[in-house]
């Protein structure tokens, strides 16, 4: 899998995609948080649901933009 950054719509860098897996209801993005994450996160599980959570996937820039609380 190509290394993709995951950022919030407010510009906070959540980390990089470690893997994507299916739960039956929807796909989930497993994000490895950046070292020294301001919220103390080591990883995040973010549902890959367009319009509700995932706002944009920029394949050229390798960035996924999400509407997500970085503290969660």
C-alpha atoms as a PDB file:
ATOM      1  CA  UNK A   1       0.000   0.000   0.000  1.00  0.00           C
ATOM      2  CA  UNK A   2       1.226   3.480  -0.816  1.00  0.00           C
ATOM      3  CA  UNK A   3       2.039   5.754   2.094  1.00  0.00           C
ATOM      4  CA  UNK A   4      -0.866   8.179   2.510  1.00  0.00           C
ATOM      5  CA  UNK A   5      -1.149  11.023   4.979  1.00  0.00           C
ATOM      6  CA  UNK A   6      -4.433  11.480   6.821  1.00  0.00           C
ATOM      7  CA  UNK A   7      -5.312  15.063   7.752  1.00  0.00           C
ATOM      8  CA  UNK A   8      -8.403  16.659   9.254  1.00  0.00           C
ATOM      9  CA  UNK A   9     -10.474  19.277   7.471  1.00  0.00           C
ATOM     10  CA  UNK A  10      -8.901  21.764   9.926  1.00  0.00           C
ATOM     11  CA  UNK A  11      -5.395  20.764   8.774  1.00  0.00           C
ATOM     12  CA  UNK A  12      -4.258  18.570  11.708  1.00  0.00           C
ATOM     13  CA  UNK A  13      -1.934  15.770  10.519  1.00  0.00           C
ATOM     14  CA  UNK A  14      -3.302  12.546  12.059  1.00  0.00           C
ATOM     15  CA  UNK A  15      -0.555  10.279  10.680  1.00  0.00           C
ATOM     16  CA  UNK A  16      -0.170   7.730   7.895  1.00  0.00           C
ATOM     17  CA  UNK A  17      -2.360   4.857   6.729  1.00  0.00           C
ATOM     18  CA  UNK A  18      -1.077   1.573   8.131  1.00  0.00           C
ATOM     19  CA  UNK A  19      -3.836  -0.582   6.637  1.00  0.00           C
ATOM     20  CA  UNK A  20      -7.441  -0.578   5.500  1.00  0.00           C
ATOM     21  CA  UNK A  21      -9.761  -3.389   6.532  1.00  0.00           C
ATOM     22  CA  UNK A  22     -13.426  -4.253   6.183  1.00  0.00           C
ATOM     23  CA  UNK A  23     -15.705  -4.706   9.175  1.00  0.00           C
ATOM     24  CA  UNK A  24     -18.723  -5.868   7.203  1.00  0.00           C
ATOM     25  CA  UNK A  25     -20.545  -2.558   7.585  1.00  0.00           C
ATOM     26  CA  UNK A  26     -17.788  -0.383   6.097  1.00  0.00           C
ATOM     27  CA  UNK A  27     -14.043  -0.129   5.630  1.00  0.00           C
ATOM     28  CA  UNK A  28     -11.874   1.191   8.467  1.00  0.00           C
ATOM     29  CA  UNK A  29      -8.585   3.051   8.055  1.00  0.00           C
ATOM     30  CA  UNK A  30      -5.937   2.112  10.623  1.00  0.00           C
ATOM     31  CA  UNK A  31      -3.789   5.244  11.019  1.00  0.00           C
ATOM     32  CA  UNK A  32      -0.373   5.195  12.678  1.00  0.00           C
ATOM     33  CA  UNK A  33      -0.140   8.517  14.527  1.00  0.00           C
ATOM     34  CA  UNK A  34       2.905  10.750  14.219  1.00  0.00           C
ATOM     35  CA  UNK A  35       5.605  10.576  16.882  1.00  0.00           C
ATOM     36  CA  UNK A  36       4.838  13.193  19.529  1.00  0.00           C
ATOM     37  CA  UNK A  37       1.149  13.437  18.573  1.00  0.00           C
ATOM     38  CA  UNK A  38      -0.307  16.420  20.462  1.00  0.00           C
ATOM     39  CA  UNK A  39      -3.211  14.264  21.682  1.00  0.00           C
ATOM     40  CA  UNK A  40      -1.029  11.366  22.845  1.00  0.00           C
ATOM     41  CA  UNK A  41      -2.439   8.961  20.253  1.00  0.00           C
ATOM     42  CA  UNK A  42      -0.337   6.104  18.875  1.00  0.00           C
ATOM     43  CA  UNK A  43      -2.964   4.976  16.392  1.00  0.00           C
ATOM     44  CA  UNK A  44      -6.476   5.763  15.269  1.00  0.00           C
ATOM     45  CA  UNK A  45      -9.261   3.726  13.687  1.00  0.00           C
ATOM     46  CA  UNK A  46     -11.285   5.904  11.338  1.00  0.00           C
ATOM     47  CA  UNK A  47     -14.353   4.688   9.427  1.00  0.00           C
ATOM     48  CA  UNK A  48     -13.893   5.092   5.676  1.00  0.00           C
ATOM     49  CA  UNK A  49     -17.340   6.554   4.996  1.00  0.00           C
ATOM     50  CA  UNK A  50     -17.513   9.182   2.258  1.00  0.00           C
ATOM     51  CA  UNK A  51     -19.240  12.485   3.060  1.00  0.00           C
ATOM     52  CA  UNK A  52     -19.742  11.611   6.748  1.00  0.00           C
ATOM     53  CA  UNK A  53     -16.067  11.173   7.647  1.00  0.00           C
ATOM     54  CA  UNK A  54     -13.927  11.051   4.499  1.00  0.00           C
ATOM     55  CA  UNK A  55     -14.216  14.377   2.710  1.00  0.00           C
ATOM     56  CA  UNK A  56     -11.574  14.002   0.001  1.00  0.00           C
ATOM     57  CA  UNK A  57      -9.033  11.510  -1.341  1.00  0.00           C
ATOM     58  CA  UNK A  58      -6.247  13.214  -3.280  1.00  0.00           C
ATOM     59  CA  UNK A  59      -4.473  10.372  -5.051  1.00  0.00           C
ATOM     60  CA  UNK A  60      -1.843  12.600  -6.611  1.00  0.00           C
ATOM     61  CA  UNK A  61      -0.827  14.239  -3.313  1.00  0.00           C
ATOM     62  CA  UNK A  62      -1.419  10.944  -1.411  1.00  0.00           C
ATOM     63  CA  UNK A  63      -3.595  12.654   1.196  1.00  0.00           C
ATOM     64  CA  UNK A  64      -6.926  11.611   2.714  1.00  0.00           C
ATOM     65  CA  UNK A  65      -8.882  14.511   4.247  1.00  0.00           C
ATOM     66  CA  UNK A  66     -11.285  13.558   7.047  1.00  0.00           C
ATOM     67  CA  UNK A  67     -13.808  15.289   9.297  1.00  0.00           C
ATOM     68  CA  UNK A  68     -12.490  13.728  12.510  1.00  0.00           C
ATOM     69  CA  UNK A  69     -11.712  14.864  16.068  1.00  0.00           C
ATOM     70  CA  UNK A  70      -7.928  14.388  16.491  1.00  0.00           C
ATOM     71  CA  UNK A  71      -8.412  13.669  20.206  1.00  0.00           C
ATOM     72  CA  UNK A  72     -10.485  10.581  19.432  1.00  0.00           C
END
